[in-house]
Amino acid sequence: MLKPTNPSGYFKAVSQVVSNQLNVGKQIAVLPKQTKSFAPPPNNSFIALSRALPNGNVTISVGPAVTSQVRWAHTDIQVPSWDNYRRDSTKKTDVKNAETEESRKNFTYLMAGALGVGSAYAAKSVVTHFVSSMSASADVLALAKIEVKLSDIPAGKSVTFKWRGKPLFIRHRTADEISAEQSVAVASLRDPQHDNERVQKPEWLVVLGVCTHLGCVPIANAGDFGGYYCPCHGSHYDASGRIRKGPAPLNLEVPHYEFPSDELLVVG
């Protein structure tokens, strides 16, 4: 059906799609009186009809179910303007894109760098606070080091101290104990280690009182070798803290310590 803006100046045409062996519907033109008309094209397609129509804002609709249109004017389409979102250098139509490329890249690099620095600083702050929250408390840090007055420990005795929540054994060894431990064959030990490697001064032995089997606390001056004995599972240590018998796999741990003077021992 033709839909002209001024029906009195145009004709009406009807096109119907039919199956094979059927006559195509005839075109009927109704012309007003004293109106100049034109002959329709022999081809009844809507494209041929649209080409034959005079200039004007005319729309053609054809088909039994689907409407097809041919637009003769596009002045009614509203195109949005994006000038407010564009850079000033790209608004000029007489300037090539390559001429403003450097300035636009510099702005992009500056923004990316600023965001990268800000993100790195924020990540560092988060990690610092997270790590500091897992650090030791003030009361634990206060026990990070312990000072022991050596004159209070008689020869042949082992004294137990508390250091970082663990028992600390400090043993004042006699000359016989030193001679016996240094004469032990290292190859016969489960955890081979010479006595000189475990002490800084032969008369002083400093070890942690934690059994290397399951973490029990051994008993000083006990066992088959006169050192330490763990009653939980029967581990025997000698006077150098080395495992000699039982299920324990390793020697007693030797912590870091130093002698600031002949009468003072600092552990930690």
Protein backbone atom coordinates (compact mmCIF):
# COMPACT_ATOMS: atom_id res chain seq x y z
CA MET A 1 0.00 0.00 0.00
CA LEU A 2 1.38 3.41 -0.93
CA LYS A 3 1.37 5.94 1.87
CA PRO A 4 2.07 9.36 0.38
CA THR A 5 1.97 12.48 2.42
CA ASN A 6 -0.57 13.95 0.02
CA PRO A 7 -2.86 11.13 -1.22
CA SER A 8 -4.63 13.37 -3.69
CA GLY A 9 -1.48 13.76 -5.77
CA TYR A 10 -0.49 10.10 -6.00
CA PHE A 11 -2.01 6.76 -6.88
CA LYS A 12 -2.71 3.66 -4.83
CA ALA A 13 -1.17 0.30 -5.77
CA VAL A 14 -1.76 -3.16 -4.37
CA SER A 15 0.71 -6.05 -4.83
CA GLN A 16 -0.17 -9.61 -3.77
CA VAL A 17 2.14 -12.65 -3.68
CA VAL A 18 0.50 -15.77 -5.12
CA SER A 19 1.68 -19.30 -5.81
CA ASN A 20 2.73 -20.70 -9.19
CA GLN A 21 0.18 -21.12 -11.99
CA LEU A 22 -1.90 -18.25 -10.57
CA ASN A 23 -2.40 -14.87 -12.11
CA VAL A 24 -0.60 -12.01 -10.41
CA GLY A 25 -2.92 -9.47 -8.87
CA LYS A 26 -3.71 -6.57 -11.09
CA GLN A 27 -2.55 -3.09 -10.18
CA ILE A 28 -5.25 -0.55 -9.70
CA ALA A 29 -4.47 3.14 -9.99
CA VAL A 30 -6.93 5.71 -8.80
CA LEU A 31 -6.11 9.17 -10.06
CA PRO A 32 -7.80 12.31 -8.99
CA LYS A 33 -9.33 14.55 -11.57
CA GLN A 34 -6.98 16.87 -13.38
CA THR A 35 -3.92 15.12 -11.86
CA LYS A 36 -0.97 14.14 -13.97
CA SER A 37 -0.07 10.46 -13.41
CA PHE A 38 2.67 8.17 -14.54
CA ALA A 39 2.61 4.56 -15.68
CA PRO A 40 3.85 1.97 -13.20
CA PRO A 41 6.88 -0.14 -14.24
CA PRO A 42 6.29 -3.62 -15.65
CA ASN A 43 8.16 -5.12 -12.67
CA ASN A 44 5.84 -5.27 -9.67
CA SER A 45 8.57 -5.40 -6.99
CA PHE A 46 8.58 -2.72 -4.31
CA ILE A 47 12.11 -1.64 -5.32
CA ALA A 48 10.97 -0.97 -8.88
CA LEU A 49 7.94 0.92 -7.62
CA SER A 50 10.09 3.02 -5.27
CA ARG A 51 12.39 4.00 -8.12
CA ALA A 52 9.42 5.04 -10.26
CA LEU A 53 7.86 7.29 -7.61
CA PRO A 54 8.46 11.04 -7.82
CA ASN A 55 10.68 12.82 -5.35
CA GLY A 56 9.11 13.27 -1.94
CA ASN A 57 8.85 11.75 1.49
CA VAL A 58 7.16 8.48 0.42
CA THR A 59 7.09 5.12 2.15
CA ILE A 60 6.20 1.79 0.48
CA SER A 61 4.93 -1.20 2.44
CA VAL A 62 4.57 -4.62 0.74
CA GLY A 63 4.32 -8.28 1.64
CA PRO A 64 1.62 -10.45 3.22
CA ALA A 65 3.16 -10.52 6.71
CA VAL A 66 6.35 -8.42 6.79
CA THR A 67 6.53 -4.73 6.03
CA SER A 68 9.42 -3.44 3.92
CA GLN A 69 10.11 0.27 3.67
CA VAL A 70 12.13 2.48 1.40
CA ARG A 71 13.09 5.80 3.02
CA TRP A 72 13.49 8.84 0.82
CA ALA A 73 14.57 11.23 3.55
CA HIS A 74 16.63 10.88 6.74
CA THR A 75 16.18 14.32 8.20
CA ASP A 76 14.01 13.02 11.03
CA ILE A 77 16.79 10.85 12.55
CA GLN A 78 18.34 12.47 15.63
CA VAL A 79 22.09 11.74 15.84
CA PRO A 80 23.59 12.25 19.33
CA SER A 81 26.63 14.47 19.75
CA TRP A 82 29.62 13.20 21.71
CA ASP A 83 31.70 16.35 21.52
CA ASN A 84 31.60 16.82 25.30
CA TYR A 85 33.44 13.51 25.76
CA ARG A 86 36.08 14.00 23.06
CA ARG A 87 39.47 15.62 23.45
CA ASP A 88 39.88 19.05 21.95
CA SER A 89 42.63 17.80 19.67
CA THR A 90 40.27 15.34 17.99
CA LYS A 91 37.48 17.85 17.35
CA LYS A 92 39.37 19.56 14.57
CA THR A 93 38.48 18.06 11.21
CA ASP A 94 41.48 19.55 9.43
CA VAL A 95 44.08 17.95 11.72
CA LYS A 96 45.37 14.44 11.12
CA ASN A 97 45.16 11.85 13.86
CA ALA A 98 48.91 11.20 13.74
CA GLU A 99 49.70 14.84 14.57
CA THR A 100 47.99 14.64 17.98
CA GLU A 101 49.02 11.09 18.80
CA GLU A 102 51.94 12.03 21.08
CA SER A 103 49.94 14.39 23.28
CA ARG A 104 47.13 11.87 23.70
CA LYS A 105 49.57 9.06 24.55
CA ASN A 106 51.33 11.23 27.14
CA PHE A 107 48.06 11.84 28.94
CA THR A 108 47.23 8.13 28.89
CA TYR A 109 50.69 7.17 30.20
CA LEU A 110 50.47 9.79 32.94
CA MET A 111 47.12 8.50 34.16
CA ALA A 112 48.26 4.87 34.01
CA GLY A 113 51.46 5.67 35.92
CA ALA A 114 49.61 7.62 38.60
CA LEU A 115 47.11 4.82 39.09
CA GLY A 116 49.93 2.25 39.21
CA VAL A 117 51.84 4.16 41.90
CA GLY A 118 48.69 4.62 43.95
CA SER A 119 47.80 0.94 43.67
CA ALA A 120 51.33 -0.13 44.67
CA TYR A 121 51.27 2.14 47.73
CA ALA A 122 47.86 0.81 48.78
CA ALA A 123 49.02 -2.80 48.36
CA LYS A 124 52.16 -2.10 50.40
CA SER A 125 50.09 -0.58 53.19
CA VAL A 126 47.74 -3.58 53.28
CA VAL A 127 50.60 -6.10 53.32
CA THR A 128 52.46 -4.15 56.04
CA HIS A 129 49.42 -4.06 58.31
CA PHE A 130 48.72 -7.75 57.66
CA VAL A 131 52.29 -8.83 58.45
CA SER A 132 52.53 -6.60 61.53
CA SER A 133 49.33 -8.15 62.88
CA MET A 134 51.05 -11.56 62.89
CA SER A 135 54.23 -10.37 64.64
CA ALA A 136 55.01 -11.27 68.23
CA SER A 137 53.33 -9.34 71.02
CA ALA A 138 55.18 -7.07 73.43
CA ASP A 139 55.36 -9.66 76.21
CA VAL A 140 56.88 -12.22 73.84
CA LEU A 141 59.42 -9.73 72.51
CA ALA A 142 60.42 -8.93 76.08
CA LEU A 143 61.52 -12.59 76.44
CA ALA A 144 63.39 -12.59 73.15
CA LYS A 145 66.66 -12.55 75.07
CA ILE A 146 67.54 -13.91 78.47
CA GLU A 147 70.60 -13.19 80.61
CA VAL A 148 71.97 -15.89 82.89
CA LYS A 149 74.49 -15.37 85.66
CA LEU A 150 76.88 -18.30 85.33
CA SER A 151 78.16 -18.14 88.90
CA ASP A 152 74.73 -19.33 90.12
CA ILE A 153 75.10 -22.71 88.38
CA PRO A 154 77.44 -25.13 90.21
CA ALA A 155 79.57 -27.67 88.33
CA GLY A 156 77.78 -30.87 87.39
CA LYS A 157 74.30 -29.30 87.59
CA SER A 158 71.75 -28.46 84.91
CA VAL A 159 69.39 -25.52 85.45
CA THR A 160 66.14 -24.97 83.55
CA PHE A 161 65.04 -21.52 82.38
CA LYS A 162 62.03 -20.33 80.36
CA TRP A 163 62.93 -18.72 77.05
CA ARG A 164 60.37 -17.81 74.37
CA GLY A 165 57.85 -20.14 75.96
CA LYS A 166 60.24 -23.13 75.83
CA PRO A 167 62.40 -24.78 78.51
CA LEU A 168 66.08 -23.93 78.25
CA PHE A 169 68.71 -26.25 79.73
CA ILE A 170 72.05 -24.74 80.78
CA ARG A 171 74.49 -27.33 82.07
CA HIS A 172 77.77 -26.68 83.89
CA ARG A 173 79.80 -29.73 82.88
CA THR A 174 82.65 -31.20 84.84
CA ALA A 175 86.02 -32.16 83.37
CA ASP A 176 85.06 -35.85 83.35
CA GLU A 177 81.85 -35.12 81.39
CA ILE A 178 83.75 -33.02 78.89
CA SER A 179 86.35 -35.76 78.37
CA ALA A 180 83.67 -38.46 78.02
CA GLU A 181 81.64 -36.57 75.43
CA GLN A 182 84.61 -35.57 73.31
CA SER A 183 85.81 -39.15 73.12
CA VAL A 184 82.56 -40.50 71.63
CA ALA A 185 82.95 -41.84 68.07
CA VAL A 186 80.90 -39.55 65.83
CA ALA A 187 80.26 -42.29 63.27
CA SER A 188 78.32 -44.29 65.87
CA LEU A 189 75.78 -41.52 66.49
CA ARG A 190 72.33 -41.36 64.93
CA ASP A 191 72.71 -37.64 64.34
CA PRO A 192 76.49 -37.35 63.86
CA GLN A 193 77.85 -34.24 65.54
CA HIS A 194 81.05 -33.73 67.54
CA ASP A 195 80.87 -32.20 70.99
CA ASN A 196 83.02 -29.23 69.93
CA GLU A 197 80.40 -28.32 67.32
CA ARG A 198 77.68 -27.99 69.96
CA VAL A 199 79.44 -25.82 72.55
CA GLN A 200 81.35 -22.54 72.53
CA LYS A 201 83.02 -23.24 75.86
CA PRO A 202 83.53 -26.91 76.83
CA GLU A 203 82.23 -26.43 80.37
CA TRP A 204 78.90 -24.89 79.30
CA LEU A 205 76.18 -26.71 77.38
CA VAL A 206 73.13 -24.72 76.21
CA VAL A 207 70.24 -26.66 74.61
CA LEU A 208 66.46 -26.42 74.30
CA GLY A 209 64.60 -28.82 76.60
CA VAL A 210 62.30 -30.11 73.85
CA CYS A 211 62.52 -33.74 72.78
CA THR A 212 62.95 -34.07 69.02
CA HIS A 213 60.56 -37.01 68.90
CA LEU A 214 57.18 -35.53 69.90
CA GLY A 215 58.10 -32.34 71.75
CA CYS A 216 58.10 -33.62 75.32
CA VAL A 217 60.35 -32.15 78.05
CA PRO A 218 63.25 -34.46 79.00
CA ILE A 219 64.53 -34.90 82.56
CA ALA A 220 68.04 -33.58 83.29
CA ASN A 221 70.78 -35.73 84.84
CA ALA A 222 68.95 -38.94 83.95
CA GLY A 223 69.05 -41.73 81.40
CA ASP A 224 71.59 -44.39 80.42
CA PHE A 225 74.17 -41.80 79.35
CA GLY A 226 73.94 -39.34 82.25
CA GLY A 227 72.55 -36.51 80.18
CA TYR A 228 68.80 -36.15 79.57
CA TYR A 229 65.99 -38.70 79.49
CA CYS A 230 62.52 -38.31 77.97
CA PRO A 231 60.08 -40.57 79.90
CA CYS A 232 57.32 -40.26 77.29
CA HIS A 233 58.85 -42.66 74.76
CA GLY A 234 62.25 -43.50 76.23
CA SER A 235 64.70 -41.25 74.38
CA HIS A 236 68.17 -41.03 75.99
CA TYR A 237 70.52 -38.08 75.40
CA ASP A 238 74.12 -37.72 76.60
CA ALA A 239 75.72 -34.77 78.38
CA SER A 240 76.18 -33.06 75.00
CA GLY A 241 72.46 -33.26 74.16
CA ARG A 242 73.00 -35.88 71.44
CA ILE A 243 70.50 -38.68 70.91
CA ARG A 244 72.00 -42.05 71.88
CA LYS A 245 69.02 -44.34 72.38
CA GLY A 246 65.26 -44.26 71.75
CA PRO A 247 62.92 -43.06 68.97
CA ALA A 248 64.10 -39.43 68.80
CA PRO A 249 65.68 -38.79 65.36
CA LEU A 250 67.77 -35.68 66.12
CA ASN A 251 69.92 -34.12 68.81
CA LEU A 252 68.55 -31.45 71.14
CA GLU A 253 68.53 -28.06 69.46
CA VAL A 254 71.26 -25.57 70.34
CA PRO A 255 69.94 -21.97 70.31
CA HIS A 256 71.95 -18.89 69.49
CA TYR A 257 73.87 -17.61 72.51
CA GLU A 258 76.97 -15.63 73.39
CA PHE A 259 79.22 -14.81 76.33
CA PRO A 260 79.50 -11.03 76.86
CA SER A 261 81.78 -11.74 79.83
CA ASP A 262 83.08 -14.71 81.80
CA GLU A 263 80.23 -14.42 84.27
CA LEU A 264 77.32 -13.71 81.92
CA LEU A 265 75.51 -15.73 79.27
CA VAL A 266 72.98 -14.16 76.85
CA VAL A 267 70.63 -16.43 74.91
CA GLY A 268 68.75 -15.05 71.90
